[in-house]
Full PDB file with SEQRES, HELIX, SHEET, SSBOND, CRYST1, ORIGX, SCALE, CONECT and MASTER records, all heavy atoms in Angstrom:
SEQRES   1 A   32  THR ASP SER LEU ARG TYR TRP SER GLU THR PHE GLY VAL          
SEQRES   2 A   32  ASP GLY PHE ARG PHE ASP LEU ALA SER VAL HIS ALA ARG          
SEQRES   3 A   32  PRO ASP GLY GLY PRO PHE                                      
HELIX    1 AA1 ASP A    2  PHE A   11  1                                  10    
HELIX    2 AA2 ALA A   21  ALA A   25  5                                   5    
HELIX    3 AA3 PRO A   27  GLY A   29  5                                   3    
CRYST1    1.000    1.000    1.000  90.00  90.00  90.00 P 1           1          
ORIGX1      1.000000  0.000000  0.000000        0.00000                         
ORIGX2      0.000000  1.000000  0.000000        0.00000                         
ORIGX3      0.000000  0.000000  1.000000        0.00000                         
SCALE1      1.000000  0.000000  0.000000        0.00000                         
SCALE2      0.000000  1.000000  0.000000        0.00000                         
SCALE3      0.000000  0.000000  1.000000        0.00000                         
ATOM      1  N   THR A   1     -44.946   5.741 -51.389  1.00  0.00           N  
ATOM      2  CA  THR A   1     -44.913   6.840 -52.356  1.00  0.00           C  
ATOM      3  C   THR A   1     -46.116   7.765 -52.203  1.00  0.00           C  
ATOM      4  O   THR A   1     -45.988   8.982 -52.343  1.00  0.00           O  
ATOM      5  CB  THR A   1     -44.836   6.308 -53.792  1.00  0.00           C  
ATOM      6  OG1 THR A   1     -45.886   5.360 -54.020  1.00  0.00           O  
ATOM      7  CG2 THR A   1     -43.496   5.616 -54.038  1.00  0.00           C  
ATOM      8  N   ASP A   2     -47.284   7.206 -51.898  1.00  0.00           N  
ATOM      9  CA  ASP A   2     -48.459   8.054 -51.661  1.00  0.00           C  
ATOM     10  C   ASP A   2     -48.240   8.948 -50.447  1.00  0.00           C  
ATOM     11  O   ASP A   2     -48.606  10.125 -50.446  1.00  0.00           O  
ATOM     12  CB  ASP A   2     -49.710   7.195 -51.441  1.00  0.00           C  
ATOM     13  CG  ASP A   2     -50.246   6.575 -52.726  1.00  0.00           C  
ATOM     14  OD1 ASP A   2     -49.754   6.937 -53.813  1.00  0.00           O  
ATOM     15  OD2 ASP A   2     -51.156   5.731 -52.631  1.00  0.00           O  
ATOM     16  N   SER A   3     -47.660   8.386 -49.399  1.00  0.00           N  
ATOM     17  CA  SER A   3     -47.394   9.149 -48.186  1.00  0.00           C  
ATOM     18  C   SER A   3     -46.402  10.277 -48.462  1.00  0.00           C  
ATOM     19  O   SER A   3     -46.633  11.434 -48.092  1.00  0.00           O  
ATOM     20  CB  SER A   3     -46.845   8.228 -47.099  1.00  0.00           C  
ATOM     21  OG  SER A   3     -46.332   8.962 -46.013  1.00  0.00           O  
ATOM     22  N   LEU A   4     -45.300   9.964 -49.105  1.00  0.00           N  
ATOM     23  CA  LEU A   4     -44.287  10.980 -49.410  1.00  0.00           C  
ATOM     24  C   LEU A   4     -44.873  12.091 -50.275  1.00  0.00           C  
ATOM     25  O   LEU A   4     -44.604  13.280 -50.056  1.00  0.00           O  
ATOM     26  CB  LEU A   4     -43.105  10.332 -50.129  1.00  0.00           C  
ATOM     27  CG  LEU A   4     -42.263   9.354 -49.314  1.00  0.00           C  
ATOM     28  CD1 LEU A   4     -41.307   8.601 -50.228  1.00  0.00           C  
ATOM     29  CD2 LEU A   4     -41.492  10.075 -48.215  1.00  0.00           C  
ATOM     30  N   ARG A   5     -45.683  11.707 -51.244  1.00  0.00           N  
ATOM     31  CA  ARG A   5     -46.275  12.705 -52.145  1.00  0.00           C  
ATOM     32  C   ARG A   5     -47.272  13.587 -51.386  1.00  0.00           C  
ATOM     33  O   ARG A   5     -47.362  14.794 -51.630  1.00  0.00           O  
ATOM     34  CB  ARG A   5     -46.960  11.998 -53.319  1.00  0.00           C  
ATOM     35  CG  ARG A   5     -47.181  12.896 -54.539  1.00  0.00           C  
ATOM     36  CD  ARG A   5     -47.824  12.120 -55.675  1.00  0.00           C  
ATOM     37  NE  ARG A   5     -47.042  10.949 -56.029  1.00  0.00           N  
ATOM     38  CZ  ARG A   5     -47.389   9.698 -55.771  1.00  0.00           C  
ATOM     39  NH1 ARG A   5     -48.525   9.446 -55.141  1.00  0.00           N  
ATOM     40  NH2 ARG A   5     -46.625   8.692 -56.135  1.00  0.00           N  
ATOM     41  N   TYR A   6     -48.008  12.996 -50.458  1.00  0.00           N  
ATOM     42  CA  TYR A   6     -48.967  13.764 -49.663  1.00  0.00           C  
ATOM     43  C   TYR A   6     -48.257  14.841 -48.847  1.00  0.00           C  
ATOM     44  O   TYR A   6     -48.656  16.007 -48.857  1.00  0.00           O  
ATOM     45  CB  TYR A   6     -49.741  12.818 -48.744  1.00  0.00           C  
ATOM     46  CG  TYR A   6     -50.621  13.517 -47.732  1.00  0.00           C  
ATOM     47  CD1 TYR A   6     -51.788  14.159 -48.127  1.00  0.00           C  
ATOM     48  CD2 TYR A   6     -50.273  13.545 -46.386  1.00  0.00           C  
ATOM     49  CE1 TYR A   6     -52.607  14.801 -47.191  1.00  0.00           C  
ATOM     50  CE2 TYR A   6     -51.078  14.182 -45.443  1.00  0.00           C  
ATOM     51  CZ  TYR A   6     -52.242  14.811 -45.859  1.00  0.00           C  
ATOM     52  OH  TYR A   6     -53.034  15.451 -44.937  1.00  0.00           O  
ATOM     53  N   TRP A   7     -47.203  14.474 -48.138  1.00  0.00           N  
ATOM     54  CA  TRP A   7     -46.484  15.450 -47.322  1.00  0.00           C  
ATOM     55  C   TRP A   7     -45.800  16.492 -48.205  1.00  0.00           C  
ATOM     56  O   TRP A   7     -45.686  17.662 -47.811  1.00  0.00           O  
ATOM     57  CB  TRP A   7     -45.466  14.744 -46.431  1.00  0.00           C  
ATOM     58  CG  TRP A   7     -46.104  13.930 -45.345  1.00  0.00           C  
ATOM     59  CD1 TRP A   7     -46.452  12.607 -45.406  1.00  0.00           C  
ATOM     60  CD2 TRP A   7     -46.505  14.379 -44.040  1.00  0.00           C  
ATOM     61  NE1 TRP A   7     -47.026  12.202 -44.225  1.00  0.00           N  
ATOM     62  CE2 TRP A   7     -47.065  13.263 -43.368  1.00  0.00           C  
ATOM     63  CE3 TRP A   7     -46.425  15.595 -43.382  1.00  0.00           C  
ATOM     64  CZ2 TRP A   7     -47.560  13.353 -42.065  1.00  0.00           C  
ATOM     65  CZ3 TRP A   7     -46.911  15.689 -42.084  1.00  0.00           C  
ATOM     66  CH2 TRP A   7     -47.473  14.573 -41.429  1.00  0.00           C  
ATOM     67  N   SER A   8     -45.364  16.085 -49.378  1.00  0.00           N  
ATOM     68  CA  SER A   8     -44.697  17.018 -50.290  1.00  0.00           C  
ATOM     69  C   SER A   8     -45.669  18.020 -50.882  1.00  0.00           C  
ATOM     70  O   SER A   8     -45.404  19.231 -50.897  1.00  0.00           O  
ATOM     71  CB  SER A   8     -44.012  16.248 -51.424  1.00  0.00           C  
ATOM     72  OG  SER A   8     -43.002  15.389 -50.936  1.00  0.00           O  
ATOM     73  N   GLU A   9     -46.800  17.520 -51.365  1.00  0.00           N  
ATOM     74  CA  GLU A   9     -47.732  18.386 -52.078  1.00  0.00           C  
ATOM     75  C   GLU A   9     -48.678  19.139 -51.149  1.00  0.00           C  
ATOM     76  O   GLU A   9     -48.961  20.316 -51.363  1.00  0.00           O  
ATOM     77  CB  GLU A   9     -48.540  17.549 -53.078  1.00  0.00           C  
ATOM     78  CG  GLU A   9     -47.692  16.985 -54.207  1.00  0.00           C  
ATOM     79  CD  GLU A   9     -48.524  16.284 -55.257  1.00  0.00           C  
ATOM     80  OE1 GLU A   9     -49.391  15.464 -54.877  1.00  0.00           O  
ATOM     81  OE2 GLU A   9     -48.314  16.544 -56.457  1.00  0.00           O  
ATOM     82  N   THR A  10     -49.159  18.482 -50.113  1.00  0.00           N  
ATOM     83  CA  THR A  10     -50.113  19.132 -49.216  1.00  0.00           C  
ATOM     84  C   THR A  10     -49.428  20.104 -48.264  1.00  0.00           C  
ATOM     85  O   THR A  10     -49.896  21.223 -48.051  1.00  0.00           O  
ATOM     86  CB  THR A  10     -50.903  18.080 -48.419  1.00  0.00           C  
ATOM     87  OG1 THR A  10     -51.584  17.214 -49.330  1.00  0.00           O  
ATOM     88  CG2 THR A  10     -51.920  18.750 -47.502  1.00  0.00           C  
ATOM     89  N   PHE A  11     -48.300  19.678 -47.699  1.00  0.00           N  
ATOM     90  CA  PHE A  11     -47.628  20.496 -46.686  1.00  0.00           C  
ATOM     91  C   PHE A  11     -46.377  21.202 -47.206  1.00  0.00           C  
ATOM     92  O   PHE A  11     -45.753  21.956 -46.454  1.00  0.00           O  
ATOM     93  CB  PHE A  11     -47.269  19.636 -45.472  1.00  0.00           C  
ATOM     94  CG  PHE A  11     -48.460  19.101 -44.731  1.00  0.00           C  
ATOM     95  CD1 PHE A  11     -48.703  17.747 -44.672  1.00  0.00           C  
ATOM     96  CD2 PHE A  11     -49.347  19.951 -44.093  1.00  0.00           C  
ATOM     97  CE1 PHE A  11     -49.796  17.235 -43.987  1.00  0.00           C  
ATOM     98  CE2 PHE A  11     -50.439  19.467 -43.404  1.00  0.00           C  
ATOM     99  CZ  PHE A  11     -50.680  18.105 -43.350  1.00  0.00           C  
ATOM    100  N   GLY A  12     -45.991  20.949 -48.446  1.00  0.00           N  
ATOM    101  CA  GLY A  12     -44.821  21.619 -48.993  1.00  0.00           C  
ATOM    102  C   GLY A  12     -43.507  21.167 -48.388  1.00  0.00           C  
ATOM    103  O   GLY A  12     -42.513  21.910 -48.419  1.00  0.00           O  
ATOM    104  N   VAL A  13     -43.454  19.955 -47.834  1.00  0.00           N  
ATOM    105  CA  VAL A  13     -42.227  19.443 -47.226  1.00  0.00           C  
ATOM    106  C   VAL A  13     -41.132  19.356 -48.296  1.00  0.00           C  
ATOM    107  O   VAL A  13     -41.369  18.932 -49.426  1.00  0.00           O  
ATOM    108  CB  VAL A  13     -42.484  18.079 -46.566  1.00  0.00           C  
ATOM    109  CG1 VAL A  13     -41.196  17.385 -46.207  1.00  0.00           C  
ATOM    110  CG2 VAL A  13     -43.357  18.270 -45.327  1.00  0.00           C  
ATOM    111  N   ASP A  14     -39.908  19.732 -47.904  1.00  0.00           N  
ATOM    112  CA  ASP A  14     -38.811  19.880 -48.857  1.00  0.00           C  
ATOM    113  C   ASP A  14     -37.961  18.628 -49.028  1.00  0.00           C  
ATOM    114  O   ASP A  14     -37.142  18.571 -49.961  1.00  0.00           O  
ATOM    115  CB  ASP A  14     -37.907  21.029 -48.417  1.00  0.00           C  
ATOM    116  CG  ASP A  14     -38.673  22.337 -48.302  1.00  0.00           C  
ATOM    117  OD1 ASP A  14     -38.888  22.983 -49.334  1.00  0.00           O  
ATOM    118  OD2 ASP A  14     -39.071  22.696 -47.174  1.00  0.00           O  
ATOM    119  N   GLY A  15     -38.110  17.664 -48.162  1.00  0.00           N  
ATOM    120  CA  GLY A  15     -37.299  16.461 -48.304  1.00  0.00           C  
ATOM    121  C   GLY A  15     -37.548  15.485 -47.171  1.00  0.00           C  
ATOM    122  O   GLY A  15     -38.312  15.750 -46.229  1.00  0.00           O  
ATOM    123  N   PHE A  16     -36.851  14.349 -47.261  1.00  0.00           N  
ATOM    124  CA  PHE A  16     -37.074  13.260 -46.312  1.00  0.00           C  
ATOM    125  C   PHE A  16     -35.760  12.557 -46.011  1.00  0.00           C  
ATOM    126  O   PHE A  16     -34.944  12.330 -46.905  1.00  0.00           O  
ATOM    127  CB  PHE A  16     -38.073  12.243 -46.878  1.00  0.00           C  
ATOM    128  CG  PHE A  16     -39.386  12.848 -47.279  1.00  0.00           C  
ATOM    129  CD1 PHE A  16     -39.575  13.348 -48.559  1.00  0.00           C  
ATOM    130  CD2 PHE A  16     -40.421  12.957 -46.370  1.00  0.00           C  
ATOM    131  CE1 PHE A  16     -40.782  13.926 -48.937  1.00  0.00           C  
ATOM    132  CE2 PHE A  16     -41.631  13.537 -46.729  1.00  0.00           C  
ATOM    133  CZ  PHE A  16     -41.806  14.023 -48.020  1.00  0.00           C  
ATOM    134  N   ARG A  17     -35.579  12.220 -44.756  1.00  0.00           N  
ATOM    135  CA  ARG A  17     -34.454  11.383 -44.339  1.00  0.00           C  
ATOM    136  C   ARG A  17     -35.031  10.020 -43.972  1.00  0.00           C  
ATOM    137  O   ARG A  17     -35.887   9.909 -43.087  1.00  0.00           O  
ATOM    138  CB  ARG A  17     -33.727  12.024 -43.159  1.00  0.00           C  
ATOM    139  CG  ARG A  17     -32.542  11.187 -42.622  1.00  0.00           C  
ATOM    140  CD  ARG A  17     -32.974  10.322 -41.458  1.00  0.00           C  
ATOM    141  NE  ARG A  17     -31.885   9.604 -40.844  1.00  0.00           N  
ATOM    142  CZ  ARG A  17     -32.025   8.674 -39.915  1.00  0.00           C  
ATOM    143  NH1 ARG A  17     -33.234   8.328 -39.464  1.00  0.00           N  
ATOM    144  NH2 ARG A  17     -30.997   8.050 -39.400  1.00  0.00           N  
ATOM    145  N   PHE A  18     -34.595   8.968 -44.646  1.00  0.00           N  
ATOM    146  CA  PHE A  18     -35.196   7.638 -44.522  1.00  0.00           C  
ATOM    147  C   PHE A  18     -34.437   6.808 -43.489  1.00  0.00           C  
ATOM    148  O   PHE A  18     -33.285   6.429 -43.703  1.00  0.00           O  
ATOM    149  CB  PHE A  18     -35.204   6.932 -45.878  1.00  0.00           C  
ATOM    150  CG  PHE A  18     -36.109   7.570 -46.890  1.00  0.00           C  
ATOM    151  CD1 PHE A  18     -35.740   8.743 -47.543  1.00  0.00           C  
ATOM    152  CD2 PHE A  18     -37.345   7.006 -47.190  1.00  0.00           C  
ATOM    153  CE1 PHE A  18     -36.575   9.337 -48.479  1.00  0.00           C  
ATOM    154  CE2 PHE A  18     -38.192   7.600 -48.125  1.00  0.00           C  
ATOM    155  CZ  PHE A  18     -37.802   8.772 -48.758  1.00  0.00           C  
ATOM    156  N   ASP A  19     -35.106   6.522 -42.398  1.00  0.00           N  
ATOM    157  CA  ASP A  19     -34.536   5.699 -41.347  1.00  0.00           C  
ATOM    158  C   ASP A  19     -34.319   4.277 -41.862  1.00  0.00           C  
ATOM    159  O   ASP A  19     -35.198   3.691 -42.520  1.00  0.00           O  
ATOM    160  CB  ASP A  19     -35.498   5.689 -40.147  1.00  0.00           C  
ATOM    161  CG  ASP A  19     -34.984   4.865 -38.998  1.00  0.00           C  
ATOM    162  OD1 ASP A  19     -33.967   5.244 -38.412  1.00  0.00           O  
ATOM    163  OD2 ASP A  19     -35.617   3.830 -38.683  1.00  0.00           O  
ATOM    164  N   LEU A  20     -33.125   3.718 -41.571  1.00  0.00           N  
ATOM    165  CA  LEU A  20     -32.785   2.353 -42.008  1.00  0.00           C  
ATOM    166  C   LEU A  20     -33.183   2.139 -43.467  1.00  0.00           C  
ATOM    167  O   LEU A  20     -33.873   1.175 -43.825  1.00  0.00           O  
ATOM    168  CB  LEU A  20     -33.461   1.312 -41.113  1.00  0.00           C  
ATOM    169  CG  LEU A  20     -33.104   1.361 -39.626  1.00  0.00           C  
ATOM    170  CD1 LEU A  20     -33.756   0.197 -38.894  1.00  0.00           C  
ATOM    171  CD2 LEU A  20     -31.605   1.346 -39.396  1.00  0.00           C  
ATOM    172  N   ALA A  21     -32.697   3.020 -44.326  1.00  0.00           N  
ATOM    173  CA  ALA A  21     -33.132   3.028 -45.728  1.00  0.00           C  
ATOM    174  C   ALA A  21     -32.740   1.775 -46.493  1.00  0.00           C  
ATOM    175  O   ALA A  21     -33.345   1.465 -47.519  1.00  0.00           O  
ATOM    176  CB  ALA A  21     -32.564   4.261 -46.438  1.00  0.00           C  
ATOM    177  N   SER A  22     -31.753   1.035 -46.022  1.00  0.00           N  
ATOM    178  CA  SER A  22     -31.359  -0.181 -46.731  1.00  0.00           C  
ATOM    179  C   SER A  22     -32.491  -1.201 -46.799  1.00  0.00           C  
ATOM    180  O   SER A  22     -32.538  -2.034 -47.716  1.00  0.00           O  
ATOM    181  CB  SER A  22     -30.130  -0.814 -46.064  1.00  0.00           C  
ATOM    182  OG  SER A  22     -28.983  -0.024 -46.282  1.00  0.00           O  
ATOM    183  N   VAL A  23     -33.406  -1.134 -45.841  1.00  0.00           N  
ATOM    184  CA  VAL A  23     -34.564  -2.044 -45.864  1.00  0.00           C  
ATOM    185  C   VAL A  23     -35.345  -1.867 -47.164  1.00  0.00           C  
ATOM    186  O   VAL A  23     -35.867  -2.844 -47.727  1.00  0.00           O  
ATOM    187  CB  VAL A  23     -35.475  -1.782 -44.643  1.00  0.00           C  
ATOM    188  CG1 VAL A  23     -36.805  -2.525 -44.781  1.00  0.00           C  
ATOM    189  CG2 VAL A  23     -34.766  -2.187 -43.361  1.00  0.00           C  
ATOM    190  N   HIS A  24     -35.420  -0.642 -47.670  1.00  0.00           N  
ATOM    191  CA  HIS A  24     -36.179  -0.367 -48.886  1.00  0.00           C  
ATOM    192  C   HIS A  24     -35.493  -0.906 -50.137  1.00  0.00           C  
ATOM    193  O   HIS A  24     -36.105  -0.967 -51.209  1.00  0.00           O  
ATOM    194  CB  HIS A  24     -36.406   1.131 -49.042  1.00  0.00           C  
ATOM    195  CG  HIS A  24     -36.972   1.772 -47.818  1.00  0.00           C  
ATOM    196  ND1 HIS A  24     -37.924   1.162 -47.035  1.00  0.00           N  
ATOM    197  CD2 HIS A  24     -36.714   2.965 -47.209  1.00  0.00           C  
ATOM    198  CE1 HIS A  24     -38.230   1.947 -46.015  1.00  0.00           C  
ATOM    199  NE2 HIS A  24     -37.512   3.033 -46.094  1.00  0.00           N  
ATOM    200  N   ALA A  25     -34.244  -1.281 -49.999  1.00  0.00           N  
ATOM    201  CA  ALA A  25     -33.492  -1.845 -51.117  1.00  0.00           C  
ATOM    202  C   ALA A  25     -33.309  -3.353 -50.970  1.00  0.00           C  
ATOM    203  O   ALA A  25     -32.508  -3.950 -51.692  1.00  0.00           O  
ATOM    204  CB  ALA A  25     -32.124  -1.169 -51.215  1.00  0.00           C  
ATOM    205  N   ARG A  26     -34.080  -3.967 -50.061  1.00  0.00           N  
ATOM    206  CA  ARG A  26     -33.942  -5.404 -49.821  1.00  0.00           C  
ATOM    207  C   ARG A  26     -35.317  -6.076 -49.877  1.00  0.00           C  
ATOM    208  O   ARG A  26     -35.851  -6.538 -48.854  1.00  0.00           O  
ATOM    209  CB  ARG A  26     -33.263  -5.655 -48.476  1.00  0.00           C  
ATOM    210  CG  ARG A  26     -31.882  -5.017 -48.366  1.00  0.00           C  
ATOM    211  CD  ARG A  26     -31.199  -5.358 -47.057  1.00  0.00           C  
ATOM    212  NE  ARG A  26     -30.951  -6.793 -46.953  1.00  0.00           N  
ATOM    213  CZ  ARG A  26     -30.454  -7.385 -45.876  1.00  0.00           C  
ATOM    214  NH1 ARG A  26     -30.182  -6.664 -44.801  1.00  0.00           N  
ATOM    215  NH2 ARG A  26     -30.260  -8.686 -45.860  1.00  0.00           N  
ATOM    216  N   PRO A  27     -35.937  -6.122 -51.055  1.00  0.00           N  
ATOM    217  CA  PRO A  27     -37.244  -6.772 -51.182  1.00  0.00           C  
ATOM    218  C   PRO A  27     -37.189  -8.224 -50.737  1.00  0.00           C  
ATOM    219  O   PRO A  27     -36.219  -8.937 -51.027  1.00  0.00           O  
ATOM    220  CB  PRO A  27     -37.550  -6.648 -52.684  1.00  0.00           C  
ATOM    221  CG  PRO A  27     -36.241  -6.368 -53.342  1.00  0.00           C  
ATOM    222  CD  PRO A  27     -35.413  -5.636 -52.346  1.00  0.00           C  
ATOM    223  N   ASP A  28     -38.226  -8.618 -50.003  1.00  0.00           N  
ATOM    224  CA  ASP A  28     -38.314  -9.965 -49.431  1.00  0.00           C  
ATOM    225  C   ASP A  28     -37.169 -10.259 -48.474  1.00  0.00           C  
ATOM    226  O   ASP A  28     -36.912 -11.418 -48.145  1.00  0.00           O  
ATOM    227  CB  ASP A  28     -38.361 -11.038 -50.528  1.00  0.00           C  
ATOM    228  CG  ASP A  28     -39.650 -10.995 -51.326  1.00  0.00           C  
ATOM    229  OD1 ASP A  28     -40.694 -10.659 -50.739  1.00  0.00           O  
ATOM    230  OD2 ASP A  28     -39.610 -11.269 -52.537  1.00  0.00           O  
ATOM    231  N   GLY A  29     -36.454  -9.221 -48.023  1.00  0.00           N  
ATOM    232  CA  GLY A  29     -35.348  -9.415 -47.094  1.00  0.00           C  
ATOM    233  C   GLY A  29     -34.093  -9.919 -47.755  1.00  0.00           C  
ATOM    234  O   GLY A  29     -33.172 -10.370 -47.073  1.00  0.00           O  
ATOM    235  N   GLY A  30     -34.015  -9.819 -49.078  1.00  0.00           N  
ATOM    236  CA  GLY A  30     -32.872 -10.328 -49.823  1.00  0.00           C  
ATOM    237  C   GLY A  30     -31.684  -9.387 -49.819  1.00  0.00           C  
ATOM    238  O   GLY A  30     -31.595  -8.474 -49.000  1.00  0.00           O  
ATOM    239  N   PRO A  31     -30.753  -9.581 -50.755  1.00  0.00           N  
ATOM    240  CA  PRO A  31     -29.555  -8.741 -50.805  1.00  0.00           C  
ATOM    241  C   PRO A  31     -29.876  -7.305 -51.202  1.00  0.00           C  
ATOM    242  O   PRO A  31     -30.910  -7.030 -51.814  1.00  0.00           O  
ATOM    243  CB  PRO A  31     -28.683  -9.434 -51.864  1.00  0.00           C  
ATOM    244  CG  PRO A  31     -29.648 -10.198 -52.710  1.00  0.00           C  
ATOM    245  CD  PRO A  31     -30.744 -10.635 -51.786  1.00  0.00           C  
ATOM    246  N   PHE A  32     -28.971  -6.392 -50.883  1.00  0.00           N  
ATOM    247  CA  PHE A  32     -29.157  -4.980 -51.189  1.00  0.00           C  
ATOM    248  C   PHE A  32     -29.178  -4.757 -52.693  1.00  0.00           C  
ATOM    249  O   PHE A  32     -28.342  -5.275 -53.429  1.00  0.00           O  
ATOM    250  CB  PHE A  32     -28.026  -4.154 -50.565  1.00  0.00           C  
ATOM    251  CG  PHE A  32     -28.138  -2.680 -50.828  1.00  0.00           C  
ATOM    252  CD1 PHE A  32     -28.867  -1.866 -49.980  1.00  0.00           C  
ATOM    253  CD2 PHE A  32     -27.521  -2.104 -51.935  1.00  0.00           C  
ATOM    254  CE1 PHE A  32     -28.980  -0.502 -50.225  1.00  0.00           C  
ATOM    255  CE2 PHE A  32     -27.622  -0.753 -52.190  1.00  0.00           C  
ATOM    256  CZ  PHE A  32     -28.357   0.052 -51.331  1.00  0.00           C  
TER     257      PHE A  32                                                      
MASTER        0    0    0    3    0    0    0    6  256    1    0    3          
END                                                                             
């Protein structure tokens, strides 16, 4: 979140495409 906010606020980036985003919904490697 710090990284995303930095690129958004410092550089004015308009959005992000998250590679293999399902990993972010699987804490500890568990179910989605």
